[in-house]
N, C-alpha and C. Protein backbone atom coordinates (compact mmCIF):
# COMPACT_ATOMS: atom_id res chain seq x y z
N MET A 1 29.36 -13.34 -16.58
CA MET A 1 28.70 -14.16 -15.54
C MET A 1 29.66 -15.24 -15.06
N SER A 2 29.80 -15.37 -13.73
CA SER A 2 30.70 -16.37 -13.17
C SER A 2 30.12 -17.77 -13.34
N GLU A 3 30.98 -18.79 -13.13
CA GLU A 3 30.51 -20.17 -13.24
C GLU A 3 29.44 -20.47 -12.22
N SER A 4 29.60 -19.91 -10.98
CA SER A 4 28.60 -20.12 -9.93
C SER A 4 27.27 -19.51 -10.31
N GLU A 5 27.30 -18.28 -10.87
CA GLU A 5 26.06 -17.63 -11.27
C GLU A 5 25.41 -18.37 -12.42
N GLY A 6 26.25 -18.92 -13.32
CA GLY A 6 25.71 -19.68 -14.44
C GLY A 6 24.99 -20.93 -13.98
N LYS A 7 25.56 -21.60 -12.98
CA LYS A 7 24.92 -22.80 -12.45
C LYS A 7 23.60 -22.45 -11.77
N LYS A 8 23.56 -21.31 -11.06
CA LYS A 8 22.33 -20.90 -10.39
C LYS A 8 21.24 -20.59 -11.41
N ALA A 9 21.62 -19.90 -12.50
CA ALA A 9 20.64 -19.57 -13.53
C ALA A 9 20.11 -20.83 -14.19
N ALA A 10 21.02 -21.79 -14.46
CA ALA A 10 20.60 -23.05 -15.08
C ALA A 10 19.66 -23.81 -14.17
N SER A 11 20.00 -23.85 -12.88
CA SER A 11 19.15 -24.54 -11.91
C SER A 11 17.79 -23.88 -11.82
N SER A 12 17.77 -22.55 -11.90
CA SER A 12 16.51 -21.82 -11.85
C SER A 12 15.61 -22.21 -13.00
N TRP A 13 16.15 -22.24 -14.21
CA TRP A 13 15.36 -22.61 -15.38
C TRP A 13 14.94 -24.07 -15.34
N LEU A 14 15.78 -24.93 -14.77
CA LEU A 14 15.40 -26.34 -14.63
C LEU A 14 14.21 -26.48 -13.69
N ASN A 15 14.18 -25.68 -12.62
CA ASN A 15 13.04 -25.70 -11.71
C ASN A 15 11.76 -25.29 -12.42
N VAL A 16 11.85 -24.25 -13.26
CA VAL A 16 10.69 -23.80 -14.01
C VAL A 16 10.22 -24.90 -14.96
N ALA A 17 11.18 -25.56 -15.64
CA ALA A 17 10.84 -26.63 -16.58
C ALA A 17 10.16 -27.79 -15.87
N VAL A 18 10.65 -28.15 -14.69
CA VAL A 18 10.05 -29.24 -13.94
C VAL A 18 8.63 -28.89 -13.51
N ASP A 19 8.41 -27.61 -13.12
CA ASP A 19 7.09 -27.18 -12.67
C ASP A 19 6.08 -27.10 -13.80
N TYR A 20 6.50 -26.53 -14.93
CA TYR A 20 5.55 -26.21 -16.00
C TYR A 20 5.65 -27.09 -17.23
N GLY A 21 6.72 -27.89 -17.34
CA GLY A 21 6.84 -28.79 -18.48
C GLY A 21 5.66 -29.74 -18.64
N PRO A 22 5.27 -30.46 -17.58
CA PRO A 22 4.12 -31.37 -17.71
C PRO A 22 2.84 -30.67 -18.13
N LEU A 23 2.63 -29.44 -17.65
CA LEU A 23 1.42 -28.71 -18.02
C LEU A 23 1.44 -28.32 -19.50
N LEU A 24 2.63 -27.97 -20.00
CA LEU A 24 2.77 -27.68 -21.43
C LEU A 24 2.48 -28.91 -22.27
N VAL A 25 2.94 -30.07 -21.80
CA VAL A 25 2.66 -31.32 -22.51
C VAL A 25 1.15 -31.57 -22.52
N PHE A 26 0.50 -31.37 -21.39
CA PHE A 26 -0.95 -31.55 -21.28
C PHE A 26 -1.67 -30.67 -22.31
N LEU A 27 -1.33 -29.39 -22.33
CA LEU A 27 -1.98 -28.45 -23.23
C LEU A 27 -1.70 -28.80 -24.69
N GLY A 28 -0.45 -29.18 -24.99
CA GLY A 28 -0.10 -29.52 -26.36
C GLY A 28 -0.86 -30.73 -26.88
N VAL A 29 -0.92 -31.79 -26.07
CA VAL A 29 -1.63 -33.00 -26.49
C VAL A 29 -3.12 -32.73 -26.58
N TYR A 30 -3.66 -31.96 -25.65
CA TYR A 30 -5.09 -31.62 -25.69
C TYR A 30 -5.42 -30.88 -26.97
N ARG A 31 -4.60 -29.88 -27.33
CA ARG A 31 -4.86 -29.10 -28.54
C ARG A 31 -4.70 -29.98 -29.79
N TRP A 32 -3.72 -30.86 -29.78
CA TRP A 32 -3.47 -31.72 -30.93
C TRP A 32 -4.62 -32.71 -31.16
N MET A 33 -5.20 -33.21 -30.07
CA MET A 33 -6.26 -34.21 -30.17
C MET A 33 -7.64 -33.59 -30.36
N SER A 34 -7.80 -32.30 -30.09
CA SER A 34 -9.11 -31.67 -30.19
C SER A 34 -9.53 -31.57 -31.65
N PRO A 35 -10.76 -31.98 -31.96
CA PRO A 35 -11.27 -31.84 -33.33
C PRO A 35 -11.54 -30.38 -33.65
N GLU A 36 -11.63 -30.05 -34.94
CA GLU A 36 -11.88 -28.67 -35.35
C GLU A 36 -13.18 -28.15 -34.74
N GLU A 37 -14.21 -28.95 -34.83
CA GLU A 37 -15.49 -28.60 -34.22
C GLU A 37 -15.70 -29.55 -33.04
N THR A 38 -15.36 -29.08 -31.87
CA THR A 38 -15.33 -29.94 -30.69
C THR A 38 -16.73 -30.37 -30.29
N SER A 39 -16.94 -31.67 -30.27
CA SER A 39 -18.18 -32.23 -29.72
C SER A 39 -17.88 -32.67 -28.31
N ALA A 40 -18.93 -33.04 -27.57
CA ALA A 40 -18.73 -33.49 -26.19
C ALA A 40 -17.82 -34.71 -26.16
N GLY A 41 -18.06 -35.66 -27.10
CA GLY A 41 -17.25 -36.86 -27.14
C GLY A 41 -15.83 -36.58 -27.57
N GLY A 42 -15.68 -35.69 -28.56
CA GLY A 42 -14.35 -35.35 -29.04
C GLY A 42 -13.53 -34.66 -27.98
N GLU A 43 -14.15 -33.77 -27.24
CA GLU A 43 -13.43 -33.06 -26.19
C GLU A 43 -13.00 -34.02 -25.09
N LEU A 44 -13.86 -34.99 -24.76
CA LEU A 44 -13.51 -35.95 -23.72
C LEU A 44 -12.32 -36.79 -24.14
N ILE A 45 -12.26 -37.15 -25.43
CA ILE A 45 -11.12 -37.91 -25.93
C ILE A 45 -9.84 -37.08 -25.80
N ALA A 46 -9.93 -35.80 -26.16
CA ALA A 46 -8.77 -34.92 -26.06
C ALA A 46 -8.32 -34.77 -24.61
N ILE A 47 -9.28 -34.63 -23.71
CA ILE A 47 -8.94 -34.50 -22.29
C ILE A 47 -8.30 -35.79 -21.77
N THR A 48 -8.81 -36.94 -22.20
CA THR A 48 -8.28 -38.22 -21.75
C THR A 48 -6.82 -38.40 -22.19
N TYR A 49 -6.56 -38.14 -23.46
CA TYR A 49 -5.19 -38.25 -23.96
C TYR A 49 -4.28 -37.22 -23.31
N GLY A 50 -4.79 -36.00 -23.15
CA GLY A 50 -4.00 -34.96 -22.51
C GLY A 50 -3.67 -35.30 -21.08
N THR A 51 -4.64 -35.86 -20.36
CA THR A 51 -4.42 -36.25 -18.97
C THR A 51 -3.39 -37.36 -18.88
N GLY A 52 -3.49 -38.34 -19.77
CA GLY A 52 -2.50 -39.43 -19.77
C GLY A 52 -1.10 -38.91 -20.01
N ALA A 53 -0.97 -37.99 -20.98
CA ALA A 53 0.34 -37.39 -21.26
C ALA A 53 0.83 -36.57 -20.07
N PHE A 54 -0.10 -35.89 -19.40
CA PHE A 54 0.22 -35.09 -18.22
C PHE A 54 0.81 -35.98 -17.13
N MET A 55 0.21 -37.13 -16.90
CA MET A 55 0.67 -38.05 -15.87
C MET A 55 2.08 -38.55 -16.19
N VAL A 56 2.30 -38.97 -17.44
CA VAL A 56 3.62 -39.47 -17.85
C VAL A 56 4.67 -38.37 -17.71
N ALA A 57 4.32 -37.15 -18.16
CA ALA A 57 5.26 -36.03 -18.10
C ALA A 57 5.58 -35.65 -16.66
N ALA A 58 4.59 -35.74 -15.77
CA ALA A 58 4.81 -35.40 -14.36
C ALA A 58 5.79 -36.38 -13.72
N VAL A 59 5.63 -37.66 -13.99
CA VAL A 59 6.55 -38.67 -13.46
C VAL A 59 7.94 -38.46 -14.05
N ALA A 60 8.00 -38.15 -15.36
CA ALA A 60 9.29 -37.89 -16.01
C ALA A 60 9.97 -36.67 -15.39
N ALA A 61 9.18 -35.64 -15.06
CA ALA A 61 9.75 -34.44 -14.44
C ALA A 61 10.32 -34.76 -13.07
N LEU A 62 9.64 -35.64 -12.33
CA LEU A 62 10.13 -36.03 -11.01
C LEU A 62 11.46 -36.78 -11.13
N VAL A 63 11.52 -37.72 -12.08
CA VAL A 63 12.76 -38.47 -12.30
C VAL A 63 13.87 -37.54 -12.76
N PHE A 64 13.53 -36.59 -13.65
CA PHE A 64 14.51 -35.63 -14.14
C PHE A 64 15.04 -34.76 -13.00
N SER A 65 14.15 -34.34 -12.11
CA SER A 65 14.55 -33.52 -10.97
C SER A 65 15.57 -34.27 -10.11
N LYS A 66 15.31 -35.56 -9.88
CA LYS A 66 16.22 -36.37 -9.07
C LYS A 66 17.56 -36.53 -9.76
N TRP A 67 17.52 -36.75 -11.09
CA TRP A 67 18.75 -36.99 -11.84
C TRP A 67 19.56 -35.71 -12.04
N ARG A 68 18.89 -34.64 -12.44
CA ARG A 68 19.62 -33.42 -12.81
C ARG A 68 19.87 -32.48 -11.62
N LEU A 69 18.89 -32.36 -10.73
CA LEU A 69 19.04 -31.46 -9.59
C LEU A 69 19.53 -32.18 -8.34
N GLY A 70 19.50 -33.51 -8.36
CA GLY A 70 20.02 -34.28 -7.24
C GLY A 70 19.03 -34.48 -6.11
N LYS A 71 17.80 -33.99 -6.25
CA LYS A 71 16.81 -34.14 -5.18
C LYS A 71 15.41 -33.95 -5.72
N VAL A 72 14.44 -34.42 -4.95
CA VAL A 72 13.03 -34.21 -5.27
C VAL A 72 12.39 -33.56 -4.05
N SER A 73 11.83 -32.38 -4.22
CA SER A 73 11.25 -31.68 -3.08
C SER A 73 9.98 -32.38 -2.61
N PRO A 74 9.63 -32.25 -1.32
CA PRO A 74 8.38 -32.84 -0.82
C PRO A 74 7.17 -32.34 -1.60
N MET A 75 7.20 -31.07 -2.00
CA MET A 75 6.07 -30.53 -2.75
C MET A 75 5.93 -31.21 -4.11
N LEU A 76 7.06 -31.50 -4.76
CA LEU A 76 7.00 -32.17 -6.06
C LEU A 76 6.50 -33.60 -5.91
N TRP A 77 6.92 -34.29 -4.85
CA TRP A 77 6.39 -35.64 -4.58
C TRP A 77 4.87 -35.58 -4.43
N PHE A 78 4.41 -34.64 -3.62
CA PHE A 78 2.98 -34.52 -3.34
C PHE A 78 2.20 -34.16 -4.61
N SER A 79 2.72 -33.19 -5.36
CA SER A 79 2.06 -32.76 -6.59
C SER A 79 1.98 -33.89 -7.61
N THR A 80 3.08 -34.63 -7.77
CA THR A 80 3.10 -35.73 -8.73
C THR A 80 2.14 -36.84 -8.32
N ALA A 81 2.08 -37.13 -7.03
CA ALA A 81 1.16 -38.16 -6.55
C ALA A 81 -0.29 -37.78 -6.86
N LEU A 82 -0.62 -36.50 -6.65
CA LEU A 82 -1.99 -36.05 -6.94
C LEU A 82 -2.27 -36.05 -8.44
N ILE A 83 -1.28 -35.68 -9.24
CA ILE A 83 -1.47 -35.70 -10.69
C ILE A 83 -1.79 -37.11 -11.17
N VAL A 84 -1.01 -38.07 -10.68
CA VAL A 84 -1.24 -39.47 -11.08
C VAL A 84 -2.57 -39.97 -10.54
N GLY A 85 -2.87 -39.67 -9.27
CA GLY A 85 -4.11 -40.14 -8.66
C GLY A 85 -5.34 -39.55 -9.30
N PHE A 86 -5.40 -38.22 -9.38
CA PHE A 86 -6.58 -37.56 -9.94
C PHE A 86 -6.64 -37.72 -11.46
N GLY A 87 -5.47 -37.84 -12.10
CA GLY A 87 -5.47 -38.11 -13.53
C GLY A 87 -6.07 -39.48 -13.83
N SER A 88 -5.76 -40.45 -13.00
CA SER A 88 -6.33 -41.80 -13.16
C SER A 88 -7.84 -41.77 -12.99
N LEU A 89 -8.32 -41.00 -12.02
CA LEU A 89 -9.77 -40.87 -11.82
C LEU A 89 -10.44 -40.19 -13.00
N THR A 90 -9.76 -39.17 -13.56
CA THR A 90 -10.29 -38.48 -14.73
C THR A 90 -10.47 -39.43 -15.90
N ILE A 91 -9.45 -40.26 -16.14
CA ILE A 91 -9.51 -41.20 -17.26
C ILE A 91 -10.53 -42.30 -16.99
N PHE A 92 -10.56 -42.81 -15.76
CA PHE A 92 -11.46 -43.93 -15.44
C PHE A 92 -12.93 -43.51 -15.52
N PHE A 93 -13.25 -42.34 -14.96
CA PHE A 93 -14.64 -41.89 -14.93
C PHE A 93 -15.01 -41.00 -16.13
N GLY A 94 -14.02 -40.60 -16.91
CA GLY A 94 -14.30 -39.73 -18.04
C GLY A 94 -14.81 -38.37 -17.60
N ASP A 95 -14.29 -37.89 -16.48
CA ASP A 95 -14.75 -36.62 -15.91
C ASP A 95 -13.55 -35.72 -15.63
N PRO A 96 -13.40 -34.61 -16.37
CA PRO A 96 -12.25 -33.72 -16.18
C PRO A 96 -12.26 -32.98 -14.85
N THR A 97 -13.35 -33.06 -14.12
CA THR A 97 -13.44 -32.36 -12.83
C THR A 97 -12.31 -32.79 -11.90
N PHE A 98 -11.97 -34.06 -11.94
CA PHE A 98 -10.94 -34.58 -11.03
C PHE A 98 -9.60 -33.89 -11.25
N VAL A 99 -9.18 -33.77 -12.51
CA VAL A 99 -7.88 -33.15 -12.77
C VAL A 99 -7.94 -31.64 -12.53
N GLN A 100 -9.14 -31.05 -12.65
CA GLN A 100 -9.27 -29.62 -12.43
C GLN A 100 -9.24 -29.24 -10.95
N ILE A 101 -9.72 -30.12 -10.10
CA ILE A 101 -9.73 -29.79 -8.67
C ILE A 101 -8.40 -30.15 -7.99
N LYS A 102 -7.53 -30.83 -8.74
CA LYS A 102 -6.23 -31.19 -8.17
C LYS A 102 -5.44 -29.96 -7.70
N PRO A 103 -5.34 -28.88 -8.51
CA PRO A 103 -4.62 -27.69 -8.01
C PRO A 103 -5.26 -27.10 -6.76
N THR A 104 -6.59 -27.12 -6.70
CA THR A 104 -7.28 -26.59 -5.53
C THR A 104 -6.86 -27.33 -4.27
N ILE A 105 -6.78 -28.65 -4.37
CA ILE A 105 -6.39 -29.47 -3.22
C ILE A 105 -4.94 -29.18 -2.82
N ILE A 106 -4.06 -29.05 -3.82
CA ILE A 106 -2.66 -28.75 -3.52
C ILE A 106 -2.53 -27.40 -2.83
N TYR A 107 -3.16 -26.38 -3.42
CA TYR A 107 -3.07 -25.03 -2.84
C TYR A 107 -3.67 -24.99 -1.44
N ALA A 108 -4.85 -25.59 -1.28
CA ALA A 108 -5.51 -25.54 0.02
C ALA A 108 -4.72 -26.31 1.07
N THR A 109 -4.17 -27.46 0.70
CA THR A 109 -3.40 -28.28 1.64
C THR A 109 -2.18 -27.53 2.16
N PHE A 110 -1.40 -26.97 1.23
CA PHE A 110 -0.21 -26.25 1.65
C PHE A 110 -0.56 -24.94 2.35
N GLY A 111 -1.64 -24.29 1.90
CA GLY A 111 -2.05 -23.05 2.56
C GLY A 111 -2.41 -23.28 4.02
N VAL A 112 -3.23 -24.29 4.27
CA VAL A 112 -3.64 -24.61 5.64
C VAL A 112 -2.44 -25.06 6.46
N ALA A 113 -1.56 -25.89 5.86
CA ALA A 113 -0.39 -26.38 6.59
C ALA A 113 0.54 -25.24 6.98
N LEU A 114 0.80 -24.33 6.05
CA LEU A 114 1.71 -23.22 6.34
C LEU A 114 1.13 -22.27 7.38
N LEU A 115 -0.15 -21.98 7.28
CA LEU A 115 -0.77 -21.09 8.26
C LEU A 115 -0.88 -21.76 9.62
N GLY A 116 -1.16 -23.07 9.61
CA GLY A 116 -1.20 -23.81 10.87
C GLY A 116 0.16 -23.78 11.55
N GLY A 117 1.22 -23.97 10.75
CA GLY A 117 2.57 -23.90 11.29
C GLY A 117 2.89 -22.51 11.81
N PHE A 118 2.45 -21.49 11.09
CA PHE A 118 2.70 -20.11 11.50
C PHE A 118 2.08 -19.82 12.87
N PHE A 119 0.82 -20.22 13.05
CA PHE A 119 0.15 -19.96 14.33
C PHE A 119 0.73 -20.82 15.46
N ALA A 120 1.40 -21.91 15.09
CA ALA A 120 2.07 -22.74 16.09
C ALA A 120 3.51 -22.30 16.32
N GLY A 121 3.92 -21.24 15.61
CA GLY A 121 5.28 -20.73 15.75
C GLY A 121 6.32 -21.52 14.99
N LYS A 122 5.89 -22.29 13.97
CA LYS A 122 6.83 -23.10 13.19
C LYS A 122 6.76 -22.70 11.72
N ALA A 123 7.90 -22.40 11.15
CA ALA A 123 7.98 -22.01 9.75
C ALA A 123 8.17 -23.26 8.88
N LEU A 124 7.06 -23.88 8.49
CA LEU A 124 7.15 -25.11 7.72
C LEU A 124 7.79 -24.89 6.36
N LEU A 125 7.69 -23.68 5.82
CA LEU A 125 8.29 -23.40 4.53
C LEU A 125 9.81 -23.56 4.58
N ARG A 126 10.38 -23.33 5.74
CA ARG A 126 11.82 -23.48 5.90
C ARG A 126 12.24 -24.92 5.68
N ILE A 127 11.41 -25.86 6.12
CA ILE A 127 11.71 -27.28 5.93
C ILE A 127 11.59 -27.65 4.46
N LEU A 128 10.57 -27.11 3.80
CA LEU A 128 10.32 -27.45 2.40
C LEU A 128 11.36 -26.85 1.47
N LEU A 129 11.79 -25.63 1.74
CA LEU A 129 12.74 -24.96 0.87
C LEU A 129 14.18 -25.15 1.30
N GLU A 130 14.39 -25.78 2.44
CA GLU A 130 15.71 -26.08 2.96
C GLU A 130 16.55 -24.79 3.04
N ALA A 131 17.70 -24.75 2.34
CA ALA A 131 18.60 -23.60 2.47
C ALA A 131 18.46 -22.62 1.31
N ALA A 132 17.24 -22.47 0.81
CA ALA A 132 17.05 -21.61 -0.36
C ALA A 132 17.30 -20.14 -0.05
N PHE A 133 17.10 -19.72 1.20
CA PHE A 133 17.25 -18.32 1.56
C PHE A 133 18.25 -18.19 2.71
N GLU A 134 19.52 -18.24 2.36
CA GLU A 134 20.57 -18.17 3.37
C GLU A 134 20.54 -16.84 4.11
N GLY A 135 20.68 -16.93 5.43
CA GLY A 135 20.74 -15.72 6.25
C GLY A 135 19.40 -15.22 6.73
N LEU A 136 18.31 -15.79 6.22
CA LEU A 136 16.98 -15.32 6.62
C LEU A 136 16.73 -15.68 8.07
N SER A 137 16.25 -14.71 8.84
CA SER A 137 16.03 -14.92 10.27
C SER A 137 14.80 -15.79 10.52
N ASP A 138 14.64 -16.25 11.75
CA ASP A 138 13.47 -17.05 12.11
C ASP A 138 12.19 -16.26 11.89
N ALA A 139 12.21 -14.98 12.25
CA ALA A 139 11.04 -14.13 12.05
C ALA A 139 10.72 -14.00 10.56
N GLY A 140 11.77 -13.91 9.74
CA GLY A 140 11.57 -13.82 8.29
C GLY A 140 10.94 -15.08 7.73
N TRP A 141 11.40 -16.24 8.20
CA TRP A 141 10.83 -17.51 7.74
C TRP A 141 9.36 -17.62 8.15
N LEU A 142 9.05 -17.17 9.35
CA LEU A 142 7.65 -17.22 9.81
C LEU A 142 6.77 -16.34 8.93
N LYS A 143 7.23 -15.13 8.65
CA LYS A 143 6.43 -14.23 7.83
C LYS A 143 6.29 -14.76 6.41
N LEU A 144 7.36 -15.35 5.88
CA LEU A 144 7.30 -15.91 4.53
C LEU A 144 6.32 -17.08 4.48
N SER A 145 6.33 -17.92 5.51
CA SER A 145 5.38 -19.04 5.58
C SER A 145 3.95 -18.53 5.65
N ARG A 146 3.73 -17.50 6.47
CA ARG A 146 2.39 -16.92 6.59
C ARG A 146 1.92 -16.35 5.25
N ASN A 147 2.80 -15.59 4.60
CA ASN A 147 2.41 -14.94 3.35
C ASN A 147 2.11 -15.96 2.25
N TRP A 148 2.96 -17.00 2.16
CA TRP A 148 2.70 -18.03 1.16
C TRP A 148 1.44 -18.83 1.49
N GLY A 149 1.18 -19.02 2.78
CA GLY A 149 -0.04 -19.72 3.17
C GLY A 149 -1.27 -18.98 2.71
N VAL A 150 -1.30 -17.67 2.92
CA VAL A 150 -2.44 -16.85 2.49
C VAL A 150 -2.54 -16.87 0.96
N PHE A 151 -1.39 -16.75 0.29
CA PHE A 151 -1.39 -16.73 -1.17
C PHE A 151 -1.91 -18.05 -1.74
N PHE A 152 -1.49 -19.16 -1.14
CA PHE A 152 -1.97 -20.46 -1.60
C PHE A 152 -3.49 -20.58 -1.47
N LEU A 153 -4.03 -20.11 -0.37
CA LEU A 153 -5.48 -20.18 -0.19
C LEU A 153 -6.20 -19.31 -1.22
N CYS A 154 -5.61 -18.17 -1.54
CA CYS A 154 -6.19 -17.30 -2.58
C CYS A 154 -6.16 -18.01 -3.94
N LEU A 155 -5.06 -18.71 -4.23
CA LEU A 155 -4.98 -19.45 -5.49
C LEU A 155 -6.00 -20.58 -5.54
N ALA A 156 -6.23 -21.23 -4.40
CA ALA A 156 -7.24 -22.30 -4.35
C ALA A 156 -8.61 -21.73 -4.70
N GLY A 157 -8.95 -20.59 -4.12
CA GLY A 157 -10.23 -19.97 -4.43
C GLY A 157 -10.31 -19.52 -5.88
N LEU A 158 -9.21 -18.96 -6.40
CA LEU A 158 -9.18 -18.52 -7.78
C LEU A 158 -9.35 -19.68 -8.74
N ASN A 159 -8.70 -20.81 -8.44
CA ASN A 159 -8.84 -21.98 -9.30
C ASN A 159 -10.29 -22.44 -9.39
N GLU A 160 -10.99 -22.41 -8.27
CA GLU A 160 -12.39 -22.82 -8.27
C GLU A 160 -13.26 -21.85 -9.06
N ILE A 161 -12.96 -20.55 -8.96
CA ILE A 161 -13.72 -19.56 -9.72
C ILE A 161 -13.51 -19.76 -11.22
N LEU A 162 -12.25 -19.91 -11.63
CA LEU A 162 -11.95 -20.08 -13.05
C LEU A 162 -12.49 -21.41 -13.57
N ARG A 163 -12.44 -22.45 -12.74
CA ARG A 163 -12.98 -23.75 -13.14
C ARG A 163 -14.47 -23.67 -13.42
N ALA A 164 -15.16 -22.84 -12.62
CA ALA A 164 -16.62 -22.71 -12.78
C ALA A 164 -16.99 -21.80 -13.95
N GLN A 165 -16.12 -20.83 -14.27
CA GLN A 165 -16.46 -19.82 -15.26
C GLN A 165 -15.94 -20.12 -16.67
N LEU A 166 -14.87 -20.91 -16.79
CA LEU A 166 -14.23 -21.14 -18.08
C LEU A 166 -14.45 -22.57 -18.57
N ASP A 167 -14.35 -22.75 -19.89
CA ASP A 167 -14.36 -24.11 -20.41
C ASP A 167 -13.00 -24.74 -20.12
N PHE A 168 -12.84 -26.01 -20.46
CA PHE A 168 -11.63 -26.72 -20.05
C PHE A 168 -10.37 -26.11 -20.65
N GLU A 169 -10.42 -25.78 -21.93
CA GLU A 169 -9.23 -25.20 -22.56
C GLU A 169 -8.91 -23.83 -21.97
N GLY A 170 -9.95 -23.04 -21.71
CA GLY A 170 -9.73 -21.74 -21.09
C GLY A 170 -9.09 -21.87 -19.73
N TRP A 171 -9.52 -22.88 -18.98
CA TRP A 171 -8.94 -23.13 -17.67
C TRP A 171 -7.47 -23.54 -17.80
N LEU A 172 -7.15 -24.35 -18.80
CA LEU A 172 -5.76 -24.75 -19.02
C LEU A 172 -4.88 -23.54 -19.33
N TRP A 173 -5.35 -22.67 -20.22
CA TRP A 173 -4.57 -21.48 -20.56
C TRP A 173 -4.40 -20.56 -19.36
N ALA A 174 -5.39 -20.54 -18.49
CA ALA A 174 -5.30 -19.69 -17.29
C ALA A 174 -4.14 -20.09 -16.40
N LYS A 175 -3.75 -21.38 -16.46
CA LYS A 175 -2.61 -21.82 -15.66
C LYS A 175 -1.34 -21.07 -16.05
N PHE A 176 -1.25 -20.68 -17.33
CA PHE A 176 -0.07 -19.96 -17.79
C PHE A 176 -0.25 -18.44 -17.72
N TRP A 177 -1.40 -17.95 -18.14
CA TRP A 177 -1.59 -16.51 -18.27
C TRP A 177 -2.14 -15.85 -17.02
N VAL A 178 -2.54 -16.64 -16.03
CA VAL A 178 -3.04 -16.07 -14.77
C VAL A 178 -2.17 -16.54 -13.60
N PHE A 179 -2.09 -17.85 -13.39
CA PHE A 179 -1.39 -18.38 -12.22
C PHE A 179 0.12 -18.15 -12.28
N LEU A 180 0.73 -18.35 -13.45
CA LEU A 180 2.17 -18.17 -13.56
C LEU A 180 2.60 -16.72 -13.30
N PRO A 181 1.97 -15.73 -13.96
CA PRO A 181 2.35 -14.34 -13.66
C PRO A 181 2.09 -13.95 -12.20
N LEU A 182 0.96 -14.39 -11.66
CA LEU A 182 0.65 -14.07 -10.26
C LEU A 182 1.71 -14.64 -9.32
N THR A 183 2.15 -15.87 -9.60
CA THR A 183 3.14 -16.50 -8.73
C THR A 183 4.47 -15.77 -8.78
N PHE A 184 4.90 -15.40 -9.98
CA PHE A 184 6.16 -14.67 -10.08
C PHE A 184 6.07 -13.29 -9.44
N LEU A 185 4.96 -12.61 -9.66
CA LEU A 185 4.78 -11.28 -9.05
C LEU A 185 4.79 -11.39 -7.52
N PHE A 186 4.10 -12.40 -7.00
CA PHE A 186 4.06 -12.57 -5.55
C PHE A 186 5.45 -12.90 -5.02
N THR A 187 6.16 -13.78 -5.73
CA THR A 187 7.51 -14.16 -5.29
C THR A 187 8.41 -12.94 -5.16
N PHE A 188 8.42 -12.10 -6.19
CA PHE A 188 9.29 -10.93 -6.16
C PHE A 188 8.78 -9.86 -5.20
N SER A 189 7.50 -9.87 -4.90
CA SER A 189 6.98 -8.90 -3.93
C SER A 189 7.49 -9.19 -2.52
N GLN A 190 7.98 -10.41 -2.30
CA GLN A 190 8.47 -10.79 -0.97
C GLN A 190 9.93 -10.39 -0.74
N ILE A 191 10.62 -9.98 -1.80
CA ILE A 191 12.05 -9.67 -1.68
C ILE A 191 12.35 -8.58 -0.65
N PRO A 192 11.61 -7.44 -0.65
CA PRO A 192 11.91 -6.42 0.37
C PRO A 192 11.81 -6.95 1.80
N MET A 193 10.78 -7.76 2.07
CA MET A 193 10.63 -8.34 3.41
C MET A 193 11.78 -9.29 3.72
N LEU A 194 12.18 -10.10 2.73
CA LEU A 194 13.28 -11.05 2.93
C LEU A 194 14.59 -10.33 3.21
N LEU A 195 14.84 -9.27 2.48
CA LEU A 195 16.07 -8.49 2.70
C LEU A 195 16.06 -7.84 4.08
N LYS A 196 14.89 -7.37 4.50
CA LYS A 196 14.76 -6.74 5.81
C LYS A 196 15.06 -7.71 6.93
N HIS A 197 14.81 -9.01 6.67
CA HIS A 197 15.00 -10.03 7.71
C HIS A 197 16.25 -10.88 7.46
N GLY A 198 17.23 -10.30 6.79
CA GLY A 198 18.55 -10.94 6.76
C GLY A 198 18.94 -11.70 5.52
N LEU A 199 18.06 -11.77 4.49
CA LEU A 199 18.44 -12.49 3.29
C LEU A 199 19.65 -11.83 2.64
N SER A 200 20.65 -12.65 2.28
CA SER A 200 21.85 -12.15 1.62
C SER A 200 22.01 -12.86 0.29
N PHE A 201 21.94 -12.11 -0.80
CA PHE A 201 22.10 -12.71 -2.12
C PHE A 201 23.51 -13.24 -2.32
N GLU A 202 24.48 -12.59 -1.70
CA GLU A 202 25.87 -13.03 -1.87
C GLU A 202 26.12 -14.37 -1.24
N GLU A 203 25.38 -14.69 -0.16
CA GLU A 203 25.66 -15.93 0.58
C GLU A 203 24.82 -17.10 0.12
N ARG A 204 23.79 -16.82 -0.72
CA ARG A 204 22.89 -17.90 -1.09
C ARG A 204 23.58 -18.88 -2.02
N ASP A 205 23.33 -20.19 -1.78
CA ASP A 205 23.83 -21.23 -2.66
C ASP A 205 22.77 -21.69 -3.63
N GLU A 206 21.50 -21.36 -3.36
CA GLU A 206 20.39 -21.78 -4.20
C GLU A 206 19.80 -20.57 -4.90
N PRO A 207 19.23 -20.73 -6.10
CA PRO A 207 18.64 -19.62 -6.81
C PRO A 207 17.37 -19.16 -6.14
N LEU A 208 17.00 -17.90 -6.40
CA LEU A 208 15.77 -17.37 -5.82
C LEU A 208 14.57 -18.17 -6.27
N LYS A 209 14.62 -18.68 -7.50
CA LYS A 209 13.49 -19.44 -8.01
C LYS A 209 13.47 -20.81 -7.36
N ASN A 210 13.19 -20.82 -6.09
CA ASN A 210 12.96 -22.04 -5.35
C ASN A 210 11.66 -21.91 -4.60
N GLU A 211 10.78 -21.05 -5.13
CA GLU A 211 9.51 -20.85 -4.46
C GLU A 211 8.65 -22.09 -4.62
N PRO A 212 7.65 -22.25 -3.81
CA PRO A 212 6.79 -23.42 -3.91
C PRO A 212 6.19 -23.54 -5.30
N PRO A 213 5.86 -24.77 -5.69
CA PRO A 213 5.29 -24.97 -6.99
C PRO A 213 3.91 -24.37 -7.09
N THR A 214 3.43 -24.24 -8.38
CA THR A 214 2.16 -23.59 -8.58
C THR A 214 1.00 -24.54 -8.73
N GLY A 215 1.21 -25.74 -8.33
CA GLY A 215 0.10 -26.68 -8.36
C GLY A 215 -0.30 -27.10 -9.74
N SER A 216 0.65 -27.15 -10.67
CA SER A 216 0.32 -27.49 -12.04
C SER A 216 -0.26 -28.89 -12.16
């Protein structure tokens, strides 16, 4: 592996760590604080501590992204702001609903924005991802924005379904065992379309794993 390829692989894994690290911290603290026989009060304490750790980890991930990757994406700014805002509401009101609907708001916001841009003839994803896909044509960027917009709206709906059907811990695990695999599968499903519209792996300076965040 060349030095350039090594840097791309490292950057790719750093992006994954920034996206999912805070969620892992949330789940770890929640599991650690949960009593053996969870009562309503015990579970609320675990959620409160987990949410607080989630907020701290999210801010740390943002700072780490700026320090190690040299930039903070608009999506990461937005996601971190919502984590801190809705996490604060969860702790203040003692209601986990706030932190659970945060992904729905992120997915729905970006879904509507990307589709709105698509119908206006503007590929907003190109602005957010900057030069992640070198050589991709304007038509390719528009289609990618449209596809991600639809996918985000589907994730928003899925989050609401799982939030209604699962307990809090089940919903947390779903972020890893449902949303993460779906996001990776969808990302790689776009490769044939990207190649058809001019994407060149040889010319790219950024790793493929620069897809939008999963709303953790």
